[in-house]
Amino acid sequence: VLFASFASAPFASASIGQVHRATLPSGDHVAVKVQRPRIREIMRADIDLMYSLTWLLDFTRFFGATQSRVLIDEFARWTADELDYLLEARQSVMLHVHSQGESMERFARVYRGYTTSRVLTTEMIEGIPLIEIVQAVRNADTAYLDNLRARGYDLEQIVRHLDWNMLNQVYIFGCFHADLHPANLFVLPGNGIGYVDFGMVGR
């Protein structure tokens, strides 16, 4: 038996994959990211279509002075990286190692024996999705924000820790999580930050 339990319904999804809750035979709770069927062929067809339109994009100067092929080449490279979960696993391991000893920064641990180029199994990061907090601030949801403060969370500290972690990643280690939208970030007890989704890492 590969997993002791596996939720058939995903709890998160994106363009190239979806994430399921699962439990390993050891009892560890994990997040299993599975690529969508035929996503590689679909992405290749989309990129080929983009290349076929370069003459029109350049003729209309859609990207200004920049040649459209240059942008499409870069997009194709990023896409190839994101489609290789083994690369994402290596990047996750690297960031996890760099964060050791940092109390305000936590990267999901990779379970290599349960990971392939199309399936990525990591430690389940349990926390408050940052996107939830951002929406509450935008909507001036005082009840939500008051409840957050009552539970010991501090918005100013959360922002300070996000900034500190980014500066630490860039200036101490020279590589950083490059896809920092709020759905990839979780606020942990003590106002620490948990990170998921390591398909894009900048250097």
Foldseek 3Di string as FASTA:
>chain_A
DQFPFWDPDFPAADDFWTWTWTAGPVRAIKIKTFGDPCSVVVVVVVLVVQVVCQVVCVVVCVVPPDRSVVVSVVVVVLVVLLQFVVNLLVQLVVVQVLCPPPPQEHGWHWDVVQDGRGMTMTGDDDAAQQVVVVVCVVVVVVVVVVVCVVLPEDPVLLVVQVVVVQCCCCPVVNKAQPPPDRRQWGQDPVSGIYGDDRSDMGD
